[in-house]
Amino acid sequence: MTFRNPEYLWFLLLILPMIIWYIFKQYKTDATLQVSSTGAFNKLPKTKKVLLFHLVFIIRCAAIALIIIAIARPQLSNTHRSETTEGIDIMLSVDISGTMLAEDLKPNRLEAAKTVAMEFIAGRPNDNIGLVLFAGESFTQCPLTTDHTALLNLVQSVEYGLIEDGTAIGLGLANAISRIKDSQAKSKVIILITDGTNNRGDIAPLTAAEMAKTFGIRVYTIGVGKMGMAPYPFNTPMGIVYNDIEVDIDENTLTSIAELTGASYFRATDNNKLRTIYQEIDKLEKTKLRVNEYNTKSEEFFPFLFAAFILLLIEIFLKSTVLRRLP
């Protein structure tokens, strides 16, 4: 509830001096009788009239308060909100080859990519999002969906070894394109994450990029891995042994893919940088939302005014009957 004239509510403070005046008046007008001791009156029962003696004044204060509130014009707002959402279809194409187990990102590149991707998905509830995985081959882990709970569970289940090892970037991109090309969304986006160079598959990465351009799909590419060398866990009869491997990301190709489709290439050298990249893409590809809001107000002063009128009638009745005072 709001008030059309809230400044009138300050008049409620006038009730305080009324109370002070009333208390002062009681001391001045009460009859007195000097006696040696009041002990004789202690056991006398108090009648209802004595207990309700001040009820008339309380009713009057309440009536005045209600009149002031009514003058301030209380109003109820009735808001109608109409939303039109224009979602964006997004396919994630994630490299799950063996090199994604390198631990220059923590706990490793693959797990870091999964964690940040899940944060990205959770932050875009209005979009259709799907997931494609690739290594030596490619397959669809989840088609475009708005059931993000199911999608997050599928992302969580991603691990190395689901498909033959290798890095088929072109194939992973082409698979994502096939899943999104027929979308009716005005904005279609692929986010491709890899840490290597295309060495498998029958489709060249730039050929797949040309396909994406034809269908109006923007492809954001992310190269994952530090510059130089990265620690990699090798399984040996003596247990896991870490050796440094060279970080070999075909940045020229990834940059060309992004530029050809009107997007951008990013390099993630640590977890925070990867998270920042996703946040940047999130800003670039915002869902469009059109809102038409209608606000109507209804006057609610009458119930307060009516209640004040009833209280004034009760005051007049009590003063004239059961609480009547003789001079």
Protein backbone atom coordinates (compact mmCIF):
# COMPACT_ATOMS: atom_id res chain seq x y z
CA MET A 1 0.00 0.00 0.00
CA THR A 2 1.19 3.52 -0.83
CA PHE A 3 -0.14 7.01 0.00
CA ARG A 4 -1.04 9.72 -2.48
CA ASN A 5 -0.37 12.45 0.13
CA PRO A 6 2.06 10.87 2.61
CA GLU A 7 2.99 14.26 4.08
CA TYR A 8 -0.35 14.34 5.94
CA LEU A 9 0.78 11.36 8.02
CA TRP A 10 2.93 13.79 10.04
CA PHE A 11 -0.32 14.95 11.67
CA LEU A 12 -0.35 11.62 13.52
CA LEU A 13 2.27 13.18 15.80
CA LEU A 14 -0.47 15.50 17.11
CA ILE A 15 -1.90 12.55 19.02
CA LEU A 16 1.12 12.61 21.35
CA PRO A 17 0.41 16.10 22.80
CA MET A 18 -3.26 15.10 23.05
CA ILE A 19 -2.25 12.19 25.28
CA ILE A 20 -0.02 14.44 27.42
CA TRP A 21 -2.82 17.00 27.76
CA TYR A 22 -5.29 14.27 28.71
CA ILE A 23 -3.04 12.89 31.44
CA PHE A 24 -2.37 16.39 32.79
CA LYS A 25 -6.09 17.14 32.79
CA GLN A 26 -6.85 14.06 34.87
CA TYR A 27 -4.60 15.28 37.67
CA LYS A 28 -6.21 18.74 37.62
CA THR A 29 -9.87 17.74 37.48
CA ASP A 30 -10.05 14.68 39.73
CA ALA A 31 -11.87 15.34 43.02
CA THR A 32 -9.76 14.92 46.18
CA LEU A 33 -10.58 14.04 49.72
CA GLN A 34 -8.10 14.22 52.56
CA VAL A 35 -8.17 11.19 54.82
CA SER A 36 -5.74 9.93 57.43
CA SER A 37 -5.34 6.56 55.70
CA THR A 38 -6.40 4.93 52.37
CA GLY A 39 -6.11 1.42 53.72
CA ALA A 40 -9.87 1.13 54.07
CA PHE A 41 -10.30 1.52 50.29
CA ASN A 42 -7.75 -1.13 49.21
CA LYS A 43 -10.23 -4.02 49.38
CA LEU A 44 -12.99 -2.24 47.52
CA PRO A 45 -13.64 -3.93 44.10
CA LYS A 46 -13.13 -1.89 40.95
CA THR A 47 -16.18 -1.69 38.75
CA LYS A 48 -16.13 -2.08 34.97
CA LYS A 49 -16.80 1.63 34.65
CA VAL A 50 -13.57 2.42 36.44
CA LEU A 51 -11.59 -0.06 34.30
CA LEU A 52 -13.11 1.39 31.10
CA PHE A 53 -12.86 4.99 32.29
CA HIS A 54 -10.31 6.01 29.68
CA LEU A 55 -11.84 4.01 26.82
CA VAL A 56 -13.59 7.08 25.40
CA PHE A 57 -10.31 8.95 24.97
CA ILE A 58 -8.63 5.90 23.39
CA ILE A 59 -11.48 5.56 20.89
CA ARG A 60 -11.22 9.27 20.06
CA CYS A 61 -7.46 9.01 19.38
CA ALA A 62 -8.01 5.98 17.17
CA ALA A 63 -10.72 7.81 15.21
CA ILE A 64 -8.48 10.84 14.67
CA ALA A 65 -5.63 8.58 13.52
CA LEU A 66 -7.91 6.84 11.02
CA ILE A 67 -9.17 10.19 9.69
CA ILE A 68 -5.58 11.37 9.15
CA ILE A 69 -4.72 8.15 7.33
CA ALA A 70 -7.79 8.56 5.13
CA ILE A 71 -6.78 12.16 4.28
CA ALA A 72 -3.34 10.84 3.22
CA ARG A 73 -5.21 8.78 0.58
CA PRO A 74 -3.95 5.20 0.89
CA GLN A 75 -3.79 3.42 -2.47
CA LEU A 76 -3.24 -0.16 -3.62
CA SER A 77 -1.17 -0.74 -6.76
CA ASN A 78 -2.16 -3.37 -9.29
CA THR A 79 0.78 -4.03 -11.62
CA HIS A 80 0.55 -6.07 -14.80
CA ARG A 81 3.89 -7.12 -16.28
CA SER A 82 4.13 -8.52 -19.80
CA GLU A 83 7.45 -10.08 -20.83
CA THR A 84 8.63 -11.12 -24.25
CA THR A 85 11.84 -13.13 -24.21
CA GLU A 86 14.03 -13.57 -27.25
CA GLY A 87 16.36 -16.41 -26.29
CA ILE A 88 19.71 -17.34 -27.75
CA ASP A 89 20.56 -20.89 -28.81
CA ILE A 90 24.02 -21.94 -27.67
CA MET A 91 25.97 -25.12 -28.38
CA LEU A 92 29.03 -25.93 -26.28
CA SER A 93 31.64 -27.94 -28.18
CA VAL A 94 34.20 -29.27 -25.69
CA ASP A 95 37.48 -31.06 -26.34
CA ILE A 96 37.83 -34.17 -24.12
CA SER A 97 41.11 -35.46 -25.58
CA GLY A 98 43.89 -36.78 -23.37
CA THR A 99 45.77 -33.48 -23.22
CA MET A 100 42.79 -31.95 -21.43
CA LEU A 101 44.02 -33.82 -18.34
CA ALA A 102 47.03 -31.49 -18.08
CA GLU A 103 47.03 -29.73 -14.74
CA ASP A 104 48.03 -26.18 -15.60
CA LEU A 105 44.37 -25.41 -14.78
CA LYS A 106 43.07 -26.87 -11.52
CA PRO A 107 42.34 -29.68 -10.96
CA ASN A 108 42.89 -30.12 -14.70
CA ARG A 109 41.79 -28.48 -17.94
CA LEU A 110 38.76 -30.71 -18.45
CA GLU A 111 37.38 -30.32 -14.94
CA ALA A 112 37.97 -26.56 -15.02
CA ALA A 113 36.14 -26.34 -18.35
CA LYS A 114 33.22 -28.33 -16.93
CA THR A 115 32.94 -26.21 -13.79
CA VAL A 116 32.94 -22.90 -15.59
CA ALA A 117 30.57 -24.19 -18.28
CA MET A 118 28.10 -25.23 -15.58
CA GLU A 119 28.24 -21.75 -14.06
CA PHE A 120 27.59 -20.29 -17.51
CA ILE A 121 24.59 -22.58 -18.10
CA ALA A 122 23.10 -21.80 -14.68
CA GLY A 123 23.28 -18.08 -15.44
CA ARG A 124 21.26 -18.29 -18.68
CA PRO A 125 17.84 -19.79 -17.76
CA ASN A 126 16.05 -18.43 -20.85
CA ASP A 127 18.33 -19.98 -23.49
CA ASN A 128 18.39 -23.30 -25.30
CA ILE A 129 21.80 -24.80 -24.62
CA GLY A 130 23.32 -28.07 -25.87
CA LEU A 131 26.60 -29.95 -25.55
CA VAL A 132 28.85 -31.63 -28.11
CA LEU A 133 32.01 -33.53 -27.16
CA PHE A 134 34.94 -34.29 -29.40
CA ALA A 135 38.34 -35.95 -29.30
CA GLY A 136 39.33 -38.24 -32.20
CA GLU A 137 35.61 -38.37 -33.04
CA SER A 138 32.58 -36.33 -32.00
CA PHE A 139 29.16 -37.03 -30.57
CA THR A 140 26.27 -35.07 -29.06
CA GLN A 141 26.07 -35.35 -25.30
CA CYS A 142 22.91 -33.22 -25.12
CA PRO A 143 20.85 -31.54 -27.88
CA LEU A 144 19.52 -28.00 -27.46
CA THR A 145 17.31 -27.89 -24.38
CA THR A 146 15.87 -25.57 -21.77
CA ASP A 147 15.97 -28.40 -19.21
CA HIS A 148 19.15 -27.08 -17.65
CA THR A 149 18.96 -29.48 -14.71
CA ALA A 150 19.35 -32.43 -17.06
CA LEU A 151 22.02 -30.60 -19.04
CA LEU A 152 24.05 -29.84 -15.92
CA ASN A 153 23.94 -33.50 -14.92
CA LEU A 154 25.23 -34.48 -18.36
CA VAL A 155 28.03 -31.92 -18.19
CA GLN A 156 28.99 -33.27 -14.78
CA SER A 157 29.24 -36.81 -16.19
CA VAL A 158 31.73 -35.83 -18.92
CA GLU A 159 35.13 -37.50 -18.56
CA TYR A 160 38.16 -38.51 -20.56
CA GLY A 161 37.93 -41.81 -22.43
CA LEU A 162 34.33 -41.59 -23.61
CA ILE A 163 35.54 -41.63 -27.22
CA GLU A 164 38.73 -42.41 -29.13
CA ASP A 165 41.59 -40.03 -28.38
CA GLY A 166 42.76 -37.32 -30.76
CA THR A 167 41.75 -33.75 -31.57
CA ALA A 168 39.16 -33.41 -34.35
CA ILE A 169 38.34 -29.71 -34.03
CA GLY A 170 36.67 -29.51 -37.44
CA LEU A 171 34.49 -32.52 -36.68
CA GLY A 172 33.51 -31.17 -33.25
CA LEU A 173 32.55 -27.83 -34.79
CA ALA A 174 30.63 -29.44 -37.67
CA ASN A 175 28.66 -31.61 -35.24
CA ALA A 176 27.69 -28.53 -33.21
CA ILE A 177 26.64 -26.74 -36.41
CA SER A 178 24.38 -29.65 -37.42
CA ARG A 179 22.65 -29.43 -34.05
CA ILE A 180 21.98 -25.68 -34.15
CA LYS A 181 21.66 -24.74 -37.83
CA ASP A 182 17.89 -25.38 -38.03
CA SER A 183 17.14 -23.39 -34.89
CA GLN A 184 14.49 -20.68 -35.19
CA ALA A 185 16.32 -18.42 -32.74
CA LYS A 186 17.51 -15.07 -34.08
CA SER A 187 20.89 -15.56 -32.40
CA LYS A 188 22.83 -18.83 -32.77
CA VAL A 189 26.16 -19.29 -31.00
CA ILE A 190 28.77 -22.02 -30.62
CA ILE A 191 31.43 -21.92 -27.91
CA LEU A 192 34.32 -24.20 -28.90
CA ILE A 193 36.89 -25.17 -26.25
CA THR A 194 40.11 -26.98 -27.12
CA ASP A 195 43.72 -27.23 -26.02
CA GLY A 196 45.37 -28.55 -29.17
CA THR A 197 45.72 -28.68 -32.93
CA ASN A 198 43.39 -30.43 -35.35
CA ASN A 199 44.91 -33.86 -36.10
CA ARG A 200 41.89 -36.09 -36.74
CA GLY A 201 38.63 -36.07 -38.66
CA ASP A 202 37.61 -35.59 -42.28
CA ILE A 203 36.48 -31.95 -41.91
CA ALA A 204 39.00 -29.11 -41.71
CA PRO A 205 38.30 -26.52 -39.01
CA LEU A 206 38.10 -23.63 -41.48
CA THR A 207 35.72 -25.60 -43.71
CA ALA A 208 33.44 -26.05 -40.69
CA ALA A 209 33.80 -22.32 -39.98
CA GLU A 210 32.57 -21.54 -43.50
CA MET A 211 29.54 -23.73 -42.80
CA ALA A 212 28.86 -21.81 -39.59
CA LYS A 213 29.08 -18.52 -41.45
CA THR A 214 26.59 -19.76 -44.05
CA PHE A 215 24.03 -20.54 -41.35
CA GLY A 216 24.63 -17.26 -39.48
CA ILE A 217 26.26 -18.95 -36.49
CA ARG A 218 28.85 -17.12 -34.41
CA VAL A 219 31.67 -19.34 -33.12
CA TYR A 220 33.55 -18.18 -30.02
CA THR A 221 36.78 -20.16 -29.69
CA ILE A 222 38.71 -20.70 -26.46
CA GLY A 223 42.23 -22.07 -26.27
CA VAL A 224 42.87 -23.70 -22.90
CA GLY A 225 46.40 -23.99 -21.49
CA LYS A 226 49.36 -22.02 -20.22
CA MET A 227 52.09 -20.70 -22.43
CA GLY A 228 55.11 -23.02 -22.77
CA MET A 229 54.97 -26.24 -20.76
CA ALA A 230 52.27 -27.82 -18.60
CA PRO A 231 52.38 -30.67 -16.02
CA TYR A 232 50.74 -33.87 -17.27
CA PRO A 233 50.03 -37.06 -15.24
CA PHE A 234 51.43 -40.28 -16.75
CA ASN A 235 50.32 -43.68 -15.44
CA THR A 236 53.34 -45.94 -14.77
CA PRO A 237 53.84 -49.24 -12.89
CA MET A 238 55.18 -47.09 -10.05
CA GLY A 239 52.04 -44.92 -9.98
CA ILE A 240 51.31 -41.52 -11.47
CA VAL A 241 54.36 -39.58 -12.60
CA TYR A 242 54.20 -35.94 -13.71
CA ASN A 243 56.15 -34.71 -16.69
CA ASP A 244 55.91 -31.40 -18.49
CA ILE A 245 54.42 -31.46 -21.97
CA GLU A 246 54.46 -28.71 -24.55
CA VAL A 247 51.29 -26.63 -24.86
CA ASP A 248 50.51 -26.66 -28.58
CA ILE A 249 47.34 -24.70 -29.41
CA ASP A 250 46.64 -23.73 -33.00
CA GLU A 251 45.72 -20.16 -32.15
CA ASN A 252 45.89 -18.99 -35.76
CA THR A 253 43.16 -21.42 -36.80
CA LEU A 254 41.02 -20.71 -33.74
CA THR A 255 41.34 -16.97 -34.37
CA SER A 256 40.38 -17.41 -38.02
CA ILE A 257 37.31 -19.46 -37.10
CA ALA A 258 36.13 -16.77 -34.69
CA GLU A 259 36.79 -13.84 -37.05
CA LEU A 260 35.18 -15.61 -40.00
CA THR A 261 31.94 -16.05 -38.08
CA GLY A 262 31.89 -12.61 -36.47
CA ALA A 263 32.96 -13.72 -33.00
CA SER A 264 36.17 -13.65 -30.92
CA TYR A 265 39.04 -15.91 -29.85
CA PHE A 266 40.15 -16.11 -26.22
CA ARG A 267 43.10 -17.72 -24.45
CA ALA A 268 42.52 -19.21 -20.99
CA THR A 269 45.79 -19.68 -19.12
CA ASP A 270 44.20 -20.33 -15.70
CA ASN A 271 40.86 -20.92 -14.02
CA ASN A 272 40.13 -17.25 -13.38
CA LYS A 273 40.90 -16.32 -16.98
CA LEU A 274 38.57 -19.06 -18.23
CA ARG A 275 35.80 -17.79 -15.97
CA THR A 276 36.39 -14.22 -17.17
CA ILE A 277 36.13 -15.38 -20.80
CA TYR A 278 32.74 -16.98 -20.17
CA GLN A 279 31.58 -13.82 -18.41
CA GLU A 280 32.68 -11.76 -21.42
CA ILE A 281 30.77 -14.04 -23.80
CA ASP A 282 27.78 -13.82 -21.46
CA LYS A 283 27.82 -10.02 -21.81
CA LEU A 284 28.23 -10.15 -25.59
CA GLU A 285 25.34 -12.60 -26.04
CA LYS A 286 22.64 -11.26 -23.79
CA THR A 287 19.08 -12.49 -24.10
CA LYS A 288 16.76 -9.74 -25.33
CA LEU A 289 13.84 -9.00 -23.02
CA ARG A 290 10.98 -6.63 -23.83
CA VAL A 291 8.76 -5.66 -20.89
CA ASN A 292 5.42 -3.82 -21.01
CA GLU A 293 4.39 -2.81 -17.51
CA TYR A 294 0.97 -1.38 -16.58
CA ASN A 295 0.36 0.07 -13.14
CA THR A 296 -3.13 0.97 -11.85
CA LYS A 297 -3.97 2.35 -8.42
CA SER A 298 -7.20 2.04 -6.43
CA GLU A 299 -8.24 4.41 -3.65
CA GLU A 300 -8.51 2.71 -0.25
CA PHE A 301 -9.38 5.66 2.01
CA PHE A 302 -13.04 4.70 2.48
CA PRO A 303 -12.50 1.75 4.90
CA PHE A 304 -10.40 4.01 7.17
CA LEU A 305 -12.98 6.82 7.00
CA PHE A 306 -15.82 4.40 7.69
CA ALA A 307 -13.96 2.88 10.65
CA ALA A 308 -13.34 6.39 12.07
CA PHE A 309 -17.06 7.21 11.72
CA ILE A 310 -18.03 4.04 13.59
CA LEU A 311 -15.56 4.82 16.38
CA LEU A 312 -16.95 8.34 16.75
CA LEU A 313 -20.47 6.93 17.04
CA ILE A 314 -19.25 4.47 19.69
CA GLU A 315 -17.60 7.33 21.59
CA ILE A 316 -20.79 9.41 21.55
CA PHE A 317 -22.84 6.39 22.66
CA LEU A 318 -20.53 5.50 25.56
CA LYS A 319 -20.24 9.10 26.76
CA SER A 320 -24.02 9.38 26.72
CA THR A 321 -24.78 6.07 28.41
CA VAL A 322 -22.61 3.64 30.35
CA LEU A 323 -19.59 5.95 30.67
CA ARG A 324 -21.50 9.12 31.29
CA ARG A 325 -19.81 11.40 33.80
CA LEU A 326 -21.65 13.79 36.07
CA PRO A 327 -20.17 17.22 36.71
